Amino acid sequence: SNGWEGGSSLGIAIEVDGPYHYLSNSEKPNGSTVLKRRLLDKLGYHVVSVPYWEWDNKNQDERESYLTRLIWAAGLRDD
């Protein structure tokens, strides 16, 4: 299914959003970022956004743990 019939999920979309995905001097996403998230959601993806300020200060191990926690929180774990 493509996600349009019955809302079935295609998978997960993870994006690390850089500073240009947000309004100036804000942690609020800009219009194009909001639109992209809505479109991916409508297509059947679970969208997980990672703000750059949470990503940039982590090392490789911390990033892996962080992504794992986000995926679990979204209910997309692979049991």
N, C-alpha and C. Protein backbone atom coordinates (compact mmCIF):
# COMPACT_ATOMS: atom_id res chain seq x y z
N SER A 1 0.84 -1.19 0.00
CA SER A 1 0.00 0.00 0.00
C SER A 1 0.88 1.25 0.00
N ASN A 2 0.37 2.32 -0.56
CA ASN A 2 1.16 3.55 -0.64
C ASN A 2 0.86 4.53 0.48
N GLY A 3 0.06 4.13 1.44
CA GLY A 3 -0.24 5.03 2.55
C GLY A 3 -1.50 5.84 2.33
N TRP A 4 -2.00 5.88 1.10
CA TRP A 4 -3.21 6.66 0.83
C TRP A 4 -4.46 5.87 1.19
N GLU A 5 -4.40 4.55 1.16
CA GLU A 5 -5.57 3.75 1.50
C GLU A 5 -5.46 3.29 2.94
N GLY A 6 -6.29 3.81 3.80
CA GLY A 6 -6.36 3.35 5.18
C GLY A 6 -5.23 3.79 6.07
N GLY A 7 -4.36 4.63 5.61
CA GLY A 7 -3.32 5.19 6.46
C GLY A 7 -2.22 4.23 6.86
N SER A 8 -1.99 3.17 6.08
CA SER A 8 -0.93 2.24 6.45
C SER A 8 0.43 2.93 6.34
N SER A 9 1.36 2.43 7.13
CA SER A 9 2.67 3.07 7.21
C SER A 9 3.65 2.48 6.21
N LEU A 10 4.40 3.35 5.54
CA LEU A 10 5.47 2.92 4.65
C LEU A 10 6.77 2.73 5.41
N GLY A 11 6.93 3.42 6.50
CA GLY A 11 8.17 3.34 7.25
C GLY A 11 8.43 4.63 7.98
N ILE A 12 9.69 4.89 8.16
CA ILE A 12 10.09 6.04 8.95
C ILE A 12 10.93 6.98 8.10
N ALA A 13 10.72 8.26 8.29
CA ALA A 13 11.54 9.29 7.65
C ALA A 13 12.23 10.06 8.76
N ILE A 14 13.55 9.98 8.79
CA ILE A 14 14.33 10.69 9.81
C ILE A 14 15.10 11.80 9.12
N GLU A 15 14.97 13.00 9.65
CA GLU A 15 15.71 14.12 9.08
C GLU A 15 16.34 14.94 10.19
N VAL A 16 17.63 15.21 10.03
CA VAL A 16 18.30 16.15 10.91
C VAL A 16 18.12 17.53 10.29
N ASP A 17 17.32 18.34 10.95
CA ASP A 17 16.98 19.66 10.42
C ASP A 17 18.02 20.69 10.83
N GLY A 18 18.67 21.28 9.83
CA GLY A 18 19.66 22.33 10.06
C GLY A 18 19.02 23.66 10.36
N PRO A 19 19.84 24.68 10.58
CA PRO A 19 19.32 26.00 10.98
C PRO A 19 18.38 26.63 9.96
N TYR A 20 18.52 26.29 8.69
CA TYR A 20 17.65 26.90 7.67
C TYR A 20 16.27 26.26 7.60
N HIS A 21 16.02 25.27 8.46
CA HIS A 21 14.70 24.66 8.56
C HIS A 21 13.83 25.36 9.61
N TYR A 22 14.38 26.39 10.24
CA TYR A 22 13.70 27.08 11.33
C TYR A 22 13.60 28.56 11.06
N LEU A 23 12.61 29.19 11.68
CA LEU A 23 12.50 30.64 11.59
C LEU A 23 13.71 31.27 12.25
N SER A 24 14.07 32.47 11.84
CA SER A 24 15.24 33.16 12.39
C SER A 24 15.16 33.28 13.90
N ASN A 25 16.27 32.93 14.55
CA ASN A 25 16.38 33.03 16.02
C ASN A 25 15.23 32.32 16.72
N SER A 26 14.87 31.14 16.21
CA SER A 26 13.72 30.43 16.76
C SER A 26 13.95 28.93 16.66
N GLU A 27 13.23 28.19 17.48
CA GLU A 27 13.20 26.74 17.38
C GLU A 27 11.92 26.28 16.69
N LYS A 28 11.19 27.22 16.08
CA LYS A 28 9.95 26.91 15.37
C LYS A 28 10.26 26.63 13.90
N PRO A 29 9.79 25.47 13.36
CA PRO A 29 10.08 25.15 11.96
C PRO A 29 9.45 26.15 11.01
N ASN A 30 10.13 26.38 9.87
CA ASN A 30 9.59 27.31 8.88
C ASN A 30 8.52 26.60 8.04
N GLY A 31 7.87 27.36 7.17
CA GLY A 31 6.75 26.84 6.39
C GLY A 31 7.09 25.66 5.51
N SER A 32 8.23 25.72 4.81
CA SER A 32 8.58 24.61 3.92
C SER A 32 8.87 23.33 4.69
N THR A 33 9.44 23.45 5.87
CA THR A 33 9.71 22.28 6.70
C THR A 33 8.42 21.67 7.20
N VAL A 34 7.49 22.52 7.62
CA VAL A 34 6.19 22.03 8.09
C VAL A 34 5.46 21.33 6.94
N LEU A 35 5.48 21.91 5.76
CA LEU A 35 4.83 21.32 4.59
C LEU A 35 5.43 19.96 4.27
N LYS A 36 6.76 19.87 4.25
CA LYS A 36 7.42 18.60 3.95
C LYS A 36 7.01 17.53 4.95
N ARG A 37 6.97 17.87 6.23
CA ARG A 37 6.57 16.90 7.25
C ARG A 37 5.14 16.44 7.03
N ARG A 38 4.25 17.37 6.70
CA ARG A 38 2.85 17.01 6.45
C ARG A 38 2.73 16.09 5.24
N LEU A 39 3.45 16.41 4.18
CA LEU A 39 3.40 15.58 2.97
C LEU A 39 3.91 14.17 3.24
N LEU A 40 5.02 14.06 3.93
CA LEU A 40 5.55 12.73 4.27
C LEU A 40 4.56 11.95 5.13
N ASP A 41 3.92 12.63 6.08
CA ASP A 41 2.92 12.00 6.92
C ASP A 41 1.75 11.51 6.07
N LYS A 42 1.27 12.34 5.16
CA LYS A 42 0.16 11.96 4.28
C LYS A 42 0.51 10.78 3.38
N LEU A 43 1.79 10.66 3.02
CA LEU A 43 2.24 9.54 2.20
C LEU A 43 2.40 8.25 3.01
N GLY A 44 2.24 8.34 4.32
CA GLY A 44 2.29 7.15 5.16
C GLY A 44 3.56 6.95 5.93
N TYR A 45 4.41 7.95 5.98
CA TYR A 45 5.65 7.85 6.74
C TYR A 45 5.47 8.38 8.15
N HIS A 46 6.16 7.77 9.08
CA HIS A 46 6.29 8.33 10.42
C HIS A 46 7.49 9.26 10.35
N VAL A 47 7.27 10.54 10.60
CA VAL A 47 8.34 11.53 10.48
C VAL A 47 8.97 11.78 11.84
N VAL A 48 10.27 11.62 11.90
CA VAL A 48 11.04 11.91 13.11
C VAL A 48 12.03 13.01 12.73
N SER A 49 11.86 14.16 13.35
CA SER A 49 12.74 15.30 13.08
C SER A 49 13.75 15.45 14.21
N VAL A 50 14.99 15.67 13.81
CA VAL A 50 16.07 15.85 14.77
C VAL A 50 16.60 17.26 14.61
N PRO A 51 16.38 18.13 15.60
CA PRO A 51 16.90 19.50 15.49
C PRO A 51 18.43 19.52 15.56
N TYR A 52 19.01 20.37 14.76
CA TYR A 52 20.48 20.44 14.68
C TYR A 52 21.12 20.71 16.03
N TRP A 53 20.46 21.50 16.89
CA TRP A 53 21.07 21.83 18.18
C TRP A 53 21.12 20.62 19.10
N GLU A 54 20.30 19.60 18.83
CA GLU A 54 20.37 18.36 19.61
C GLU A 54 21.34 17.36 18.98
N TRP A 55 21.60 17.48 17.69
CA TRP A 55 22.44 16.54 16.95
C TRP A 55 23.91 16.93 16.98
N ASP A 56 24.18 18.21 16.78
CA ASP A 56 25.56 18.68 16.61
C ASP A 56 26.47 18.42 17.80
N ASN A 57 25.92 18.41 18.99
CA ASN A 57 26.77 18.28 20.18
C ASN A 57 26.92 16.84 20.66
N LYS A 58 26.55 15.86 19.80
CA LYS A 58 26.64 14.46 20.19
C LYS A 58 27.74 13.75 19.38
N ASN A 59 28.41 12.80 20.04
CA ASN A 59 29.36 11.96 19.31
C ASN A 59 28.60 10.80 18.65
N GLN A 60 29.30 9.93 17.93
CA GLN A 60 28.65 8.85 17.17
C GLN A 60 27.80 7.95 18.06
N ASP A 61 28.33 7.52 19.20
CA ASP A 61 27.58 6.64 20.10
C ASP A 61 26.33 7.33 20.63
N GLU A 62 26.47 8.60 21.02
CA GLU A 62 25.33 9.35 21.53
C GLU A 62 24.26 9.54 20.45
N ARG A 63 24.69 9.74 19.21
CA ARG A 63 23.74 9.89 18.10
C ARG A 63 22.94 8.61 17.89
N GLU A 64 23.62 7.47 17.93
CA GLU A 64 22.94 6.19 17.76
C GLU A 64 21.92 5.97 18.87
N SER A 65 22.30 6.25 20.10
CA SER A 65 21.38 6.11 21.24
C SER A 65 20.20 7.07 21.11
N TYR A 66 20.49 8.28 20.70
CA TYR A 66 19.45 9.31 20.52
C TYR A 66 18.43 8.86 19.47
N LEU A 67 18.91 8.38 18.32
CA LEU A 67 18.01 7.91 17.27
C LEU A 67 17.20 6.71 17.72
N THR A 68 17.83 5.80 18.44
CA THR A 68 17.12 4.63 18.96
C THR A 68 15.98 5.07 19.88
N ARG A 69 16.25 6.02 20.76
CA ARG A 69 15.21 6.52 21.67
C ARG A 69 14.06 7.18 20.89
N LEU A 70 14.39 7.96 19.86
CA LEU A 70 13.35 8.60 19.06
C LEU A 70 12.48 7.57 18.35
N ILE A 71 13.11 6.54 17.82
CA ILE A 71 12.36 5.50 17.12
C ILE A 71 11.46 4.75 18.09
N TRP A 72 11.97 4.44 19.25
CA TRP A 72 11.14 3.77 20.27
C TRP A 72 9.98 4.67 20.68
N ALA A 73 10.26 5.95 20.87
CA ALA A 73 9.21 6.89 21.28
C ALA A 73 8.12 7.01 20.20
N ALA A 74 8.51 6.86 18.95
CA ALA A 74 7.54 6.92 17.85
C ALA A 74 6.78 5.61 17.69
N GLY A 75 7.14 4.60 18.47
CA GLY A 75 6.46 3.32 18.39
C GLY A 75 6.86 2.50 17.18
N LEU A 76 8.08 2.72 16.68
CA LEU A 76 8.52 2.05 15.46
C LEU A 76 9.62 1.05 15.71
N ARG A 77 9.68 0.54 16.91
CA ARG A 77 10.74 -0.40 17.25
C ARG A 77 10.55 -1.72 16.51
N ASP A 78 11.64 -2.42 16.30
CA ASP A 78 11.62 -3.72 15.66
C ASP A 78 11.82 -4.78 16.74
N ASP A 79 10.73 -5.34 17.21
CA ASP A 79 10.79 -6.31 18.32
C ASP A 79 11.42 -7.62 17.93
